[in-house]
Amino acid sequence: MTGLVAHLSAGIGAALTIIGAGYGIGRLAAGALEGMARQPEAANDIRTAMIIAAALIEGLAFLALVICLLLSFKA
C-alpha cells in the first residue's frame, strides 16, 4: 500500500512541478516580450536575462522531477 501512495504522490509532485515551471517560463517570456516592445534598444540585454532565468527555472524543475522519481523508487 505504501508503494502505491509513493508512486501516486510522486506523479502528483511531478505534474505540479511541470505546471509550475510552465507557468513561470510563460510569465517570464511575456514580461520579456513586453519589455522588448517598450524598449527595442534593450532587446539584447532583456533576451540574455530571459534565457538565463529560463535556464534556472528549468534546472529547478528537473531537480524537483528527479527528487520525485527518487522518492517513488525508494518506496
Protein backbone atom coordinates (compact mmCIF):
# COMPACT_ATOMS: atom_id res chain seq x y z
CA MET A 1 0.00 0.00 0.00
CA THR A 2 2.78 2.44 0.82
CA GLY A 3 4.36 1.81 -2.60
CA LEU A 4 1.13 2.83 -4.31
CA VAL A 5 0.93 6.01 -2.26
CA ALA A 6 4.57 6.81 -3.02
CA HIS A 7 4.05 6.36 -6.75
CA LEU A 8 0.84 8.40 -6.70
CA SER A 9 2.40 11.24 -4.72
CA ALA A 10 5.47 11.23 -6.98
CA GLY A 11 3.21 11.53 -10.02
CA ILE A 12 1.28 14.39 -8.48
CA GLY A 13 4.51 16.11 -7.47
CA ALA A 14 5.93 15.74 -10.97
CA ALA A 15 2.74 17.12 -12.50
CA LEU A 16 2.74 20.13 -10.19
CA THR A 17 6.41 20.72 -10.97
CA ILE A 18 5.80 20.77 -14.71
CA ILE A 19 2.74 23.02 -14.36
CA GLY A 20 4.66 25.45 -12.15
CA ALA A 21 7.69 25.57 -14.44
CA GLY A 22 5.50 26.10 -17.50
CA TYR A 23 3.62 28.90 -15.78
CA GLY A 24 6.86 30.55 -14.62
CA ILE A 25 8.51 30.41 -18.03
CA GLY A 26 5.32 31.70 -19.65
CA ARG A 27 5.21 34.70 -17.34
CA LEU A 28 8.93 35.26 -17.87
CA ALA A 29 8.55 35.27 -21.64
CA ALA A 30 5.50 37.55 -21.51
CA GLY A 31 7.36 40.08 -19.38
CA ALA A 32 10.44 39.93 -21.58
CA LEU A 33 8.43 40.41 -24.76
CA GLU A 34 6.59 43.34 -23.22
CA GLY A 35 9.90 44.88 -22.18
CA MET A 36 11.32 44.37 -25.68
CA ALA A 37 8.24 46.01 -27.19
CA ARG A 38 8.57 49.02 -24.91
CA GLN A 39 12.34 49.41 -25.32
CA PRO A 40 13.57 47.80 -28.53
CA GLU A 41 17.10 49.13 -27.95
CA ALA A 42 17.39 46.97 -24.82
CA ALA A 43 16.17 43.80 -26.55
CA ASN A 44 19.54 42.02 -26.45
CA ASP A 45 20.01 42.60 -22.72
CA ILE A 46 16.44 41.53 -21.97
CA ARG A 47 16.80 38.41 -24.13
CA THR A 48 20.01 37.41 -22.35
CA ALA A 49 18.44 37.86 -18.92
CA MET A 50 15.35 35.92 -20.03
CA ILE A 51 17.40 32.95 -21.27
CA ILE A 52 19.41 32.80 -18.04
CA ALA A 53 16.26 32.96 -15.90
CA ALA A 54 14.51 30.32 -18.04
CA ALA A 55 17.50 28.01 -17.68
CA LEU A 56 17.40 28.40 -13.89
CA ILE A 57 13.68 27.65 -13.82
CA GLU A 58 14.16 24.55 -15.97
CA GLY A 59 17.06 23.42 -13.79
CA LEU A 60 14.93 23.63 -10.67
CA ALA A 61 12.09 21.81 -12.44
CA PHE A 62 14.43 18.95 -13.43
CA LEU A 63 15.76 18.79 -9.87
CA ALA A 64 12.23 18.52 -8.49
CA LEU A 65 11.40 15.80 -11.03
CA VAL A 66 14.48 13.81 -10.04
CA ILE A 67 13.53 14.11 -6.38
CA CYS A 68 10.00 12.89 -7.18
CA LEU A 69 11.41 9.91 -9.07
CA LEU A 70 13.87 9.05 -6.32
CA LEU A 71 11.14 9.16 -3.71
CA SER A 72 8.96 6.99 -5.92
CA PHE A 73 11.62 4.31 -6.41
CA LYS A 74 12.68 4.34 -2.76
CA ALA A 75 9.31 3.02 -1.52
